[in-house]
Amino acid sequence: MLRSVFSKTLWEQRRGIIGWSSGIAAVGVLHASFYPSMANPDMAAAIEAFPDGMLEALGFTDITSSAGYLGGATYGILGPVLIIIFASTFGARAIAGEEEAGRLDVLLAHPVARWSVLVQRAGALVVAVAIAGIAVFAVMTAAAGPAQYAQIGVANLAAATVQLVLLGCFFGALAFSVGAITGRRSFALATVVAVAILTYFANTLGPSVDALAWSRDLSPFRYYSGSQPLVNGWPAADGLVLFLVGAAFVAVGVLGFSRRDLAT
């Protein structure tokens, strides 16, 4: 019934895709629904009491405006964390997880090229993350009126969600590549955690330290939200950077995997 590695991968992971997509969307809209209680002078005064560095690190420099609040909550911390976990778990499992479980060699015994298996599984990763993005966009759009952030506009919500999907694909591709090269799922996930933490703080705190200001340009989070898509619309150039680097990760993974023996 399933004639390709791509469709087989999506079918086998359908429960995880549905569960993660529903969970990410639910968490996002739950925190978005708190916006009316945050948009008041008392809350603004309370936020001003926090150190600027802490607010920048948490992404809450402006929580009294709708774009500022969603940019710090749903699209600032919670959304990225959850979609990175989902995408990197999917990416690490796609090759390294299957290899460690002893199932990959069975798949490769069929008349299908190694590069084709990896490309199709990478494609399944992109589709899985896109499904999560569609779920987030759907519930965030539906809640815009009741949660009083309709002024952001559907186009800008779509722009922020596209960036969220691209960020997830970036880290999912990193996990996919490291897993394909090493055959170790845990190492792939550890690499994603280390890169995510370092680059997040490079983006938020790097500009405040002159000697580290350059590091922000190396952070995927700068290309994810630096142009404020909830305010300014989709930053095509920034999105292209995330896409191209993610594609490069996949290419490196395909090359590395094609040159090594599988674990037995």
Protein backbone atom coordinates (compact mmCIF):
# COMPACT_ATOMS: atom_id res chain seq x y z
CA MET A 1 0.00 0.00 0.00
CA LEU A 2 2.86 2.35 0.83
CA ARG A 3 5.03 2.53 -2.26
CA SER A 4 7.78 4.90 -1.10
CA VAL A 5 10.05 5.48 1.87
CA PHE A 6 8.52 8.95 2.15
CA SER A 7 4.92 7.77 2.57
CA LYS A 8 5.97 4.83 4.74
CA THR A 9 7.82 7.16 7.11
CA LEU A 10 4.85 9.49 7.46
CA TRP A 11 2.46 6.61 7.99
CA GLU A 12 4.63 4.99 10.66
CA GLN A 13 5.03 8.31 12.47
CA ARG A 14 1.40 9.42 12.09
CA ARG A 15 0.55 9.15 15.78
CA GLY A 16 3.57 11.17 16.82
CA ILE A 17 2.90 13.79 14.16
CA ILE A 18 -0.73 14.17 15.21
CA GLY A 19 0.14 14.20 18.90
CA TRP A 20 2.95 16.72 18.63
CA SER A 21 1.02 18.95 16.23
CA SER A 22 -1.98 19.01 18.54
CA GLY A 23 0.17 19.60 21.60
CA ILE A 24 2.21 22.44 20.11
CA ALA A 25 -0.94 24.13 18.83
CA ALA A 26 -2.73 23.71 22.15
CA VAL A 27 0.15 25.13 24.19
CA GLY A 28 0.53 28.03 21.77
CA VAL A 29 -3.11 29.07 21.85
CA LEU A 30 -3.32 28.53 25.62
CA HIS A 31 -0.61 31.07 26.26
CA ALA A 32 -1.98 33.38 23.57
CA SER A 33 -5.29 33.42 25.46
CA PHE A 34 -3.55 35.05 28.42
CA TYR A 35 -2.85 38.18 26.40
CA PRO A 36 -5.89 40.20 27.57
CA SER A 37 -4.77 39.86 31.18
CA MET A 38 -1.23 40.95 30.29
CA ALA A 39 -2.19 44.06 28.32
CA ASN A 40 -2.75 46.42 31.21
CA PRO A 41 -0.74 49.23 32.86
CA ASP A 42 -0.16 47.29 36.08
CA MET A 43 1.48 44.46 34.20
CA ALA A 44 3.62 46.89 32.20
CA ALA A 45 4.82 48.50 35.43
CA ALA A 46 5.65 45.11 36.92
CA ILE A 47 7.62 44.08 33.84
CA GLU A 48 9.65 47.29 33.95
CA ALA A 49 11.00 46.21 37.33
CA PHE A 50 12.82 43.25 35.81
CA PRO A 51 16.42 43.65 34.56
CA ASP A 52 16.66 44.37 30.84
CA GLY A 53 19.04 41.48 30.29
CA MET A 54 16.59 39.02 31.80
CA LEU A 55 13.73 40.31 29.66
CA GLU A 56 15.85 40.09 26.52
CA ALA A 57 16.91 36.54 27.35
CA LEU A 58 13.28 35.51 27.85
CA GLY A 59 12.03 37.44 24.84
CA PHE A 60 9.60 39.56 26.89
CA THR A 61 10.74 43.09 26.14
CA ASP A 62 7.23 44.20 25.17
CA ILE A 63 4.41 42.02 26.48
CA THR A 64 1.69 44.67 26.58
CA SER A 65 1.35 44.83 22.77
CA SER A 66 -0.20 41.84 21.01
CA ALA A 67 2.76 41.32 18.67
CA GLY A 68 5.21 41.76 21.52
CA TYR A 69 3.40 39.28 23.75
CA LEU A 70 2.95 36.59 21.10
CA GLY A 71 6.50 37.20 19.91
CA GLY A 72 7.73 36.48 23.43
CA ALA A 73 5.37 33.65 24.38
CA THR A 74 3.89 31.51 21.62
CA TYR A 75 6.45 32.44 18.96
CA GLY A 76 9.28 33.46 21.26
CA ILE A 77 9.96 30.63 23.68
CA LEU A 78 7.27 27.97 23.86
CA GLY A 79 6.69 27.46 20.16
CA PRO A 80 10.37 27.27 19.21
CA VAL A 81 11.24 24.94 22.11
CA LEU A 82 8.43 22.52 21.33
CA ILE A 83 8.92 22.45 17.57
CA ILE A 84 12.68 22.02 17.97
CA ILE A 85 12.10 19.05 20.28
CA PHE A 86 9.60 17.54 17.84
CA ALA A 87 11.69 18.11 14.72
CA SER A 88 15.00 17.03 16.24
CA THR A 89 13.45 13.88 17.71
CA PHE A 90 11.96 13.05 14.32
CA GLY A 91 15.24 13.83 12.56
CA ALA A 92 17.40 11.79 14.94
CA ARG A 93 15.04 8.83 14.73
CA ALA A 94 14.79 8.92 10.92
CA ILE A 95 18.21 7.36 10.33
CA ALA A 96 20.17 6.90 13.57
CA GLY A 97 17.17 5.60 15.52
CA GLU A 98 16.30 3.11 12.81
CA GLU A 99 19.92 2.01 12.57
CA GLU A 100 20.24 1.47 16.31
CA ALA A 101 17.02 -0.55 16.28
CA GLY A 102 18.36 -2.76 13.48
CA ARG A 103 15.62 -1.84 11.01
CA LEU A 104 17.56 0.33 8.60
CA ASP A 105 19.58 -2.48 7.06
CA VAL A 106 16.32 -4.31 6.27
CA LEU A 107 15.06 -1.24 4.43
CA LEU A 108 18.31 -0.81 2.53
CA ALA A 109 18.18 -4.45 1.44
CA HIS A 110 15.40 -3.40 -0.93
CA PRO A 111 16.29 -2.00 -4.38
CA VAL A 112 16.52 1.61 -3.25
CA ALA A 113 19.62 3.81 -3.18
CA ARG A 114 20.98 5.07 0.11
CA TRP A 115 20.72 8.68 -0.99
CA SER A 116 17.10 8.18 -1.97
CA VAL A 117 16.23 6.75 1.45
CA LEU A 118 17.78 9.75 3.19
CA VAL A 119 16.24 12.33 0.88
CA GLN A 120 12.78 10.81 1.26
CA ARG A 121 13.07 10.64 5.02
CA ALA A 122 14.26 14.25 5.10
CA GLY A 123 11.23 15.15 3.00
CA ALA A 124 8.99 13.37 5.51
CA LEU A 125 10.61 15.44 8.26
CA VAL A 126 9.75 18.67 6.44
CA VAL A 127 6.15 17.57 5.91
CA ALA A 128 5.78 16.53 9.55
CA VAL A 129 7.01 19.91 10.80
CA ALA A 130 4.81 21.69 8.25
CA ILE A 131 1.78 19.82 9.57
CA ALA A 132 2.59 21.08 13.06
CA GLY A 133 2.90 24.59 11.65
CA ILE A 134 -0.48 24.34 9.95
CA ALA A 135 -2.05 23.26 13.23
CA VAL A 136 -0.46 26.20 15.06
CA PHE A 137 -1.59 28.67 12.41
CA ALA A 138 -5.14 27.31 12.39
CA VAL A 139 -5.70 27.62 16.14
CA MET A 140 -3.86 30.93 16.45
CA THR A 141 -6.00 32.41 13.69
CA ALA A 142 -9.20 31.04 15.22
CA ALA A 143 -8.32 32.50 18.63
CA ALA A 144 -7.27 35.93 17.34
CA GLY A 145 -10.65 37.54 17.98
CA PRO A 146 -11.47 36.07 21.41
CA ALA A 147 -7.89 36.61 22.64
CA GLN A 148 -7.84 40.21 21.34
CA TYR A 149 -4.83 40.03 19.04
CA ALA A 150 -6.69 40.19 15.71
CA GLN A 151 -4.89 43.46 14.89
CA ILE A 152 -1.76 41.44 14.11
CA GLY A 153 -3.45 40.16 10.97
CA VAL A 154 -3.64 36.75 9.34
CA ALA A 155 -0.72 37.48 7.00
CA ASN A 156 1.65 38.27 9.85
CA LEU A 157 0.52 35.22 11.83
CA ALA A 158 1.22 33.15 8.75
CA ALA A 159 4.64 34.80 8.39
CA ALA A 160 5.59 34.01 11.99
CA THR A 161 4.35 30.44 11.59
CA VAL A 162 6.35 29.90 8.39
CA GLN A 163 9.44 31.05 10.27
CA LEU A 164 8.58 28.66 13.10
CA VAL A 165 8.39 25.79 10.63
CA LEU A 166 11.71 26.76 9.04
CA LEU A 167 13.36 26.94 12.47
CA GLY A 168 12.06 23.47 13.28
CA CYS A 169 13.31 22.15 9.95
CA PHE A 170 16.72 23.74 10.60
CA PHE A 171 17.23 21.86 13.86
CA GLY A 172 15.50 18.74 12.57
CA ALA A 173 17.92 18.68 9.65
CA LEU A 174 20.84 19.13 12.05
CA ALA A 175 19.72 16.12 14.09
CA PHE A 176 19.09 14.17 10.89
CA SER A 177 22.58 14.93 9.57
CA VAL A 178 24.47 14.17 12.77
CA GLY A 179 22.48 10.97 13.22
CA ALA A 180 23.16 9.88 9.64
CA ILE A 181 26.88 10.53 9.98
CA THR A 182 27.39 8.97 13.41
CA GLY A 183 24.58 6.44 13.65
CA ARG A 184 23.97 7.61 17.21
CA ARG A 185 20.58 9.06 18.05
CA SER A 186 21.61 10.33 21.50
CA PHE A 187 24.61 12.16 20.07
CA ALA A 188 22.43 13.80 17.43
CA LEU A 189 19.99 15.04 20.07
CA ALA A 190 22.80 16.25 22.34
CA THR A 191 24.25 18.21 19.43
CA VAL A 192 20.91 19.92 18.82
CA VAL A 193 20.56 20.84 22.50
CA ALA A 194 24.06 22.33 22.62
CA VAL A 195 23.64 24.28 19.38
CA ALA A 196 20.18 25.52 20.34
CA ILE A 197 21.29 26.83 23.74
CA LEU A 198 24.47 28.47 22.46
CA THR A 199 22.83 30.11 19.47
CA TYR A 200 19.79 31.26 21.46
CA PHE A 201 21.95 33.19 23.91
CA ALA A 202 24.16 34.41 21.07
CA ASN A 203 21.04 35.97 19.59
CA THR A 204 19.61 37.45 22.79
CA LEU A 205 22.69 38.40 24.78
CA GLY A 206 25.42 38.64 22.14
CA PRO A 207 24.50 42.17 21.00
CA SER A 208 24.92 43.49 24.56
CA VAL A 209 28.57 42.35 24.64
CA ASP A 210 30.70 44.11 22.05
CA ALA A 211 33.17 41.24 21.75
CA LEU A 212 30.33 38.79 21.00
CA ALA A 213 28.14 40.96 18.78
CA TRP A 214 29.30 39.06 15.69
CA SER A 215 27.88 35.80 17.07
CA ARG A 216 24.30 36.94 16.53
CA ASP A 217 24.73 36.65 12.78
CA LEU A 218 25.54 32.95 13.23
CA SER A 219 22.40 32.24 15.22
CA PRO A 220 19.37 30.65 13.53
CA PHE A 221 17.21 32.51 16.04
CA ARG A 222 18.34 35.81 14.54
CA TYR A 223 17.03 34.68 11.15
CA TYR A 224 13.93 33.24 12.77
CA SER A 225 12.61 36.30 14.59
CA GLY A 226 15.11 39.13 14.18
CA SER A 227 12.95 40.83 11.54
CA GLN A 228 9.82 40.60 13.74
CA PRO A 229 7.49 38.82 11.32
CA LEU A 230 4.49 39.45 13.57
CA VAL A 231 5.02 43.17 12.93
CA ASN A 232 6.72 43.38 9.54
CA GLY A 233 5.51 40.30 7.69
CA TRP A 234 7.51 37.46 6.26
CA PRO A 235 11.29 38.09 6.00
CA ALA A 236 11.98 36.14 2.82
CA ALA A 237 15.75 36.59 2.99
CA ASP A 238 15.94 35.33 6.57
CA GLY A 239 13.67 32.42 5.76
CA LEU A 240 15.85 31.52 2.80
CA VAL A 241 18.92 31.39 5.06
CA LEU A 242 17.22 28.89 7.38
CA PHE A 243 16.07 26.82 4.42
CA LEU A 244 19.44 26.74 2.68
CA VAL A 245 21.42 25.89 5.80
CA GLY A 246 18.93 23.15 6.66
CA ALA A 247 19.25 21.77 3.12
CA ALA A 248 23.04 21.87 3.48
CA PHE A 249 22.77 19.83 6.69
CA VAL A 250 20.77 17.19 4.83
CA ALA A 251 23.29 17.13 1.97
CA VAL A 252 26.17 16.64 4.41
CA GLY A 253 24.23 13.88 6.13
CA VAL A 254 23.59 12.09 2.83
CA LEU A 255 27.27 12.34 1.89
CA GLY A 256 28.48 11.14 5.28
CA PHE A 257 26.02 8.27 5.43
CA SER A 258 26.92 7.03 1.94
CA ARG A 259 30.57 6.65 3.00
CA ARG A 260 30.27 4.56 6.12
CA ASP A 261 29.29 1.06 7.21
CA LEU A 262 26.08 0.54 9.14
CA ALA A 263 26.10 -0.51 12.78
CA THR A 264 25.37 -4.20 13.29
